[in-house]
Protein backbone atom coordinates (compact mmCIF):
# COMPACT_ATOMS: atom_id res chain seq x y z
CA UNK A 1 61.16 76.49 212.24
CA UNK A 2 60.25 79.00 209.52
CA UNK A 3 60.09 82.57 210.74
CA UNK A 4 56.75 84.53 210.38
CA UNK A 5 53.24 83.52 211.63
CA UNK A 6 51.75 80.26 210.85
CA UNK A 7 48.47 80.66 208.65
CA UNK A 8 46.54 78.84 211.37
CA UNK A 9 47.66 81.38 213.82
CA UNK A 10 46.25 84.26 212.17
CA UNK A 11 45.08 86.99 214.44
CA UNK A 12 43.83 89.72 212.53
CA UNK A 13 43.35 93.11 214.36
CA UNK A 14 42.06 96.58 213.29
CA UNK A 15 44.80 98.89 214.34
CA UNK A 16 42.89 102.02 213.32
CA UNK A 17 44.89 105.07 212.54
CA UNK A 18 48.57 103.86 212.35
CA UNK A 19 51.26 105.94 213.29
CA UNK A 20 52.30 108.57 210.97
CA UNK A 21 55.28 107.47 208.75
CA UNK A 22 58.66 109.32 208.74
CA UNK A 23 58.63 111.62 206.16
CA UNK A 24 62.32 111.69 205.51
CA UNK A 25 62.74 107.87 205.57
CA UNK A 26 59.70 107.49 203.24
CA UNK A 27 61.38 109.95 200.85
CA UNK A 28 64.67 108.15 200.63
CA UNK A 29 62.72 104.99 200.19
CA UNK A 30 60.60 106.24 197.17
CA UNK A 31 63.78 108.01 195.38
CA UNK A 32 65.15 104.37 194.81
CA UNK A 33 61.94 102.88 193.32
CA UNK A 34 60.32 102.81 190.10
CA UNK A 35 56.77 104.16 189.34
CA UNK A 36 54.26 102.51 191.53
CA UNK A 37 52.53 99.39 190.56
CA UNK A 38 49.86 97.17 191.84
CA UNK A 39 50.21 93.73 190.93
CA UNK A 40 46.81 92.06 189.87
CA UNK A 41 45.59 88.85 191.10
CA UNK A 42 42.55 88.09 188.89
CA UNK A 43 40.08 85.50 189.86
CA UNK A 44 36.46 84.91 190.71
CA UNK A 45 35.67 87.48 193.23
CA UNK A 46 32.83 85.37 194.66
CA UNK A 47 35.07 82.82 195.87
CA UNK A 48 38.10 83.00 198.32
CA UNK A 49 41.01 81.59 196.34
CA UNK A 50 42.44 84.80 195.21
CA UNK A 51 42.43 86.43 198.52
CA UNK A 52 43.88 83.26 200.04
CA UNK A 53 46.71 83.24 197.59
CA UNK A 54 47.29 86.91 198.13
CA UNK A 55 47.54 86.36 201.80
CA UNK A 56 50.15 83.76 201.39
CA UNK A 57 51.88 86.23 199.14
CA UNK A 58 52.11 88.95 201.82
CA UNK A 59 53.19 86.39 204.34
CA UNK A 60 56.07 85.46 202.12
CA UNK A 61 57.14 89.10 201.42
CA UNK A 62 57.13 89.70 205.15
CA UNK A 63 59.71 86.67 205.51
CA UNK A 64 61.71 88.41 203.08
CA UNK A 65 61.77 91.70 205.05
CA UNK A 66 59.50 93.41 202.55
CA UNK A 67 56.14 95.22 203.48
CA UNK A 68 53.32 94.49 201.42
CA UNK A 69 49.58 95.88 201.03
CA UNK A 70 46.61 93.96 199.35
CA UNK A 71 43.57 95.82 198.07
CA UNK A 72 41.14 93.05 198.37
CA UNK A 73 38.23 93.11 195.89
CA UNK A 74 36.74 89.87 196.88
CA UNK A 75 33.13 89.57 198.10
CA UNK A 76 34.18 87.78 201.46
CA UNK A 77 37.97 87.05 201.29
CA UNK A 78 39.82 88.50 204.29
CA UNK A 79 37.31 91.19 205.13
CA UNK A 80 35.19 88.34 206.42
CA UNK A 81 37.58 87.83 209.36
CA UNK A 82 37.30 91.57 210.35
CA UNK A 83 35.02 93.44 212.85
CA UNK A 84 32.42 95.09 211.00
CA UNK A 85 33.54 98.48 212.01
CA UNK A 86 36.91 97.53 210.42
CA UNK A 87 35.38 96.89 206.76
CA UNK A 88 35.43 100.55 205.63
CA UNK A 89 35.73 100.27 201.66
CA UNK A 90 38.15 101.83 199.42
CA UNK A 91 35.24 103.78 197.91
CA UNK A 92 35.49 106.02 200.80
CA UNK A 93 38.65 107.34 199.56
CA UNK A 94 37.42 107.94 195.89
CA UNK A 95 34.37 109.75 197.62
CA UNK A 96 36.64 112.07 199.47
CA UNK A 97 35.60 110.94 202.92
CA UNK A 98 38.67 109.34 204.25
CA UNK A 99 42.47 109.40 203.47
CA UNK A 100 43.73 106.42 202.24
CA UNK A 101 46.27 105.95 204.95
CA UNK A 102 43.34 105.71 207.46
CA UNK A 103 42.16 102.57 205.74
CA UNK A 104 45.21 100.58 206.07
CA UNK A 105 44.71 97.53 208.32
CA UNK A 106 47.66 95.59 209.70
CA UNK A 107 47.13 91.86 209.47
CA UNK A 108 50.70 91.11 210.79
CA UNK A 109 54.05 92.54 210.96
CA UNK A 110 54.73 94.30 207.62
CA UNK A 111 51.63 92.62 206.08
CA UNK A 112 48.78 95.18 205.33
CA UNK A 113 44.99 94.95 204.07
CA UNK A 114 42.70 97.51 202.41
CA UNK A 115 39.06 96.45 202.02
CA UNK A 116 38.58 97.62 198.49
CA UNK A 117 35.54 95.41 196.77
CA UNK A 118 33.21 98.32 196.01
CA UNK A 119 36.06 100.87 195.35
CA UNK A 120 37.87 98.61 192.74
CA UNK A 121 34.33 97.69 191.13
CA UNK A 122 33.92 101.54 190.43
CA UNK A 123 37.51 102.01 189.42
CA UNK A 124 37.28 99.04 187.06
CA UNK A 125 34.62 101.01 185.38
CA UNK A 126 36.91 104.09 184.83
CA UNK A 127 40.48 102.69 184.82
CA UNK A 128 41.98 105.93 183.66
CA UNK A 129 41.17 107.43 187.43
CA UNK A 130 43.63 104.74 189.01
CA UNK A 131 46.10 107.53 188.90
CA UNK A 132 44.50 108.96 191.88
CA UNK A 133 45.40 105.79 193.74
CA UNK A 134 48.74 105.18 192.40
CA UNK A 135 49.47 108.84 193.10
CA UNK A 136 48.58 108.12 196.78
CA UNK A 137 50.58 105.09 197.69
CA UNK A 138 53.35 106.88 199.19
CA UNK A 139 50.81 107.95 201.82
CA UNK A 140 50.81 104.62 203.60
CA UNK A 141 51.26 104.72 207.07
CA UNK A 142 54.48 102.61 206.58
CA UNK A 143 57.12 102.52 203.93
CA UNK A 144 55.58 99.66 201.39
CA UNK A 145 57.95 97.55 199.02
CA UNK A 146 54.91 95.69 197.19
CA UNK A 147 51.16 96.30 196.28
CA UNK A 148 48.69 93.78 195.21
CA UNK A 149 44.97 93.82 194.22
CA UNK A 150 42.63 90.96 193.91
CA UNK A 151 40.37 91.87 190.82
CA UNK A 152 37.55 89.99 189.04
CA UNK A 153 38.72 88.46 185.58
CA UNK A 154 36.94 91.01 183.42
CA UNK A 155 39.03 93.92 185.21
CA UNK A 156 41.66 93.78 182.36
CA UNK A 157 41.88 97.40 181.63
CA UNK A 158 42.39 98.04 185.50
CA UNK A 159 45.01 95.59 185.45
CA UNK A 160 46.68 97.27 182.69
CA UNK A 161 46.66 100.65 184.42
CA UNK A 162 47.98 99.06 187.60
CA UNK A 163 50.61 96.95 186.30
CA UNK A 164 51.28 97.72 182.56
CA UNK A 165 54.49 95.63 182.19
CA UNK A 166 54.55 93.16 185.01
CA UNK A 167 53.10 89.82 185.98
CA UNK A 168 49.57 88.88 186.16
CA UNK A 169 48.36 86.17 188.20
CA UNK A 170 45.04 84.35 187.21
CA UNK A 171 43.47 82.15 189.47
CA UNK A 172 41.52 79.60 187.53
CA UNK A 173 39.10 77.08 189.15
CA UNK A 174 38.31 73.73 187.45
CA UNK A 175 34.89 74.70 186.40
CA UNK A 176 33.55 75.62 183.03
CA UNK A 177 32.23 79.17 184.37
CA UNK A 178 35.61 79.92 185.59
CA UNK A 179 37.89 78.60 182.69
CA UNK A 180 35.42 80.46 180.29
CA UNK A 181 35.57 83.77 182.27
CA UNK A 182 39.24 83.63 182.38
CA UNK A 183 39.64 82.71 178.83
CA UNK A 184 37.50 85.61 177.50
CA UNK A 185 39.67 87.94 179.89
CA UNK A 186 42.86 86.93 178.59
CA UNK A 187 41.55 87.16 175.15
CA UNK A 188 40.42 90.70 175.85
CA UNK A 189 44.04 91.60 177.01
CA UNK A 190 45.25 90.96 173.49
CA UNK A 191 47.22 93.91 172.44
CA UNK A 192 48.26 95.06 176.03
CA UNK A 193 50.16 91.97 176.91
CA UNK A 194 53.63 92.37 174.99
CA UNK A 195 55.31 93.17 178.39
CA UNK A 196 52.95 91.26 180.57
CA UNK A 197 53.61 87.76 181.71
CA UNK A 198 50.46 85.76 182.46
CA UNK A 199 51.00 83.21 185.38
CA UNK A 200 48.24 80.97 186.00
CA UNK A 201 47.28 79.27 189.37
CA UNK A 202 44.83 76.38 189.25
CA UNK A 203 42.64 76.55 192.46
CA UNK A 204 40.24 74.03 194.06
CA UNK A 205 41.58 71.03 192.40
CA UNK A 206 41.53 67.27 193.58
CA UNK A 207 44.81 66.60 192.35
CA UNK A 208 47.91 67.60 190.11
CA UNK A 209 46.60 65.80 187.05
CA UNK A 210 43.37 67.74 187.30
CA UNK A 211 45.42 70.96 187.77
CA UNK A 212 47.62 70.10 184.75
CA UNK A 213 44.53 69.38 182.59
CA UNK A 214 42.94 72.68 183.19
CA UNK A 215 46.17 74.44 182.58
CA UNK A 216 46.97 72.60 179.35
CA UNK A 217 43.35 73.43 177.94
CA UNK A 218 43.86 77.13 178.70
CA UNK A 219 47.28 77.13 177.47
CA UNK A 220 46.15 75.75 174.06
CA UNK A 221 43.20 77.89 173.57
CA UNK A 222 45.17 81.10 174.26
CA UNK A 223 48.38 80.31 172.39
CA UNK A 224 47.11 81.86 169.04
CA UNK A 225 46.76 85.48 170.51
CA UNK A 226 49.08 85.86 173.36
CA UNK A 227 52.67 87.30 172.56
CA UNK A 228 53.71 85.64 175.70
CA UNK A 229 52.14 82.32 176.23
CA UNK A 230 50.51 81.35 179.90
CA UNK A 231 53.00 80.04 182.19
CA UNK A 232 51.98 77.71 185.21
CA UNK A 233 52.57 78.81 188.84
CA UNK A 234 50.92 76.23 190.74
CA UNK A 235 47.89 74.81 192.13
CA UNK A 236 45.86 74.93 195.19
CA UNK A 237 43.67 72.36 196.91
CA UNK A 238 40.09 72.99 197.61
CA UNK A 239 39.37 75.38 200.40
CA UNK A 240 37.32 73.43 203.18
CA UNK A 241 33.62 74.32 202.78
CA UNK A 242 31.99 76.58 205.38
CA UNK A 243 35.43 77.80 207.10
CA UNK A 244 37.24 80.92 207.12
CA UNK A 245 40.78 81.50 205.73
CA UNK A 246 42.36 81.41 208.96
CA UNK A 247 41.04 77.77 209.27
CA UNK A 248 42.65 76.39 206.21
CA UNK A 249 44.64 72.98 206.38
CA UNK A 250 48.24 71.91 206.18
CA UNK A 251 48.12 70.99 202.53
CA UNK A 252 46.77 74.38 201.62
CA UNK A 253 49.43 75.95 203.82
CA UNK A 254 52.05 74.16 202.18
CA UNK A 255 50.76 74.68 198.59
CA UNK A 256 49.85 78.27 199.38
CA UNK A 257 53.49 78.93 200.56
CA UNK A 258 55.24 77.11 197.81
CA UNK A 259 53.35 79.35 195.19
CA UNK A 260 53.77 82.39 197.14
CA UNK A 261 57.63 81.76 197.10
CA UNK A 262 57.63 81.41 193.48
CA UNK A 263 55.47 84.50 193.04
CA UNK A 264 57.96 86.60 195.10
CA UNK A 265 60.81 85.06 193.30
CA UNK A 266 59.32 86.23 189.77
CA UNK A 267 58.92 89.76 191.40
CA UNK A 268 62.70 89.90 192.41
CA UNK A 269 63.85 88.83 188.98
CA UNK A 270 61.76 91.41 187.24
CA UNK A 271 63.29 94.22 189.55
CA UNK A 272 66.95 92.86 188.96
């Protein structure tokens, strides 16, 4: 049996103010790390696919004994599973009302969430101010190894500020609106992508053929302006209508874990 909680057994709890981290341990941890990076997962924030994928990534990182944090910018996503009092948004950090470390929610061992839709929307308008967030990541209540953020397609400049030379993950749905928004966003990244690897996950499909078709069209339409062509990272089946993210089926669990394992593998190779 695999280690780690089953997706169907998620028991999300708000832990309030977590124990202060050991400063000496954290300092030793930071000395061995490169500059802070938040890996962007770009998608339609009105749907739950990006948040669903991110949750699998957190789970996979925990299986590899790495602590990871997600700044969730989705409209519902994981915050919908939390009690109302636990949904304090990242904007409170930027407004000076709360410390960043006070907004961290523990989803499971080594897996953390910061509710961030409003804060990330504000930051996307002024991406240069992302240094205020990046400069505080060491203040997490635990020593974290990886950081992720779910962002709307259009937040390209913020993604660049978060992760100027790493992998970007695009969660694209098989609809004209989703594909068009993703294409326009990828096109707007022209000139900033020389050190970026764009990886595409097609979500909400009925079959592998449908996913292949969506990716092939997007690959062809972007090939003329990307230095690094799009790379396919897998596909996710449709989420069940009207059900929360802790009620997905076995097909989604298998697909999500498979993609998350690949994403974590890409990350390890980039740091090697």
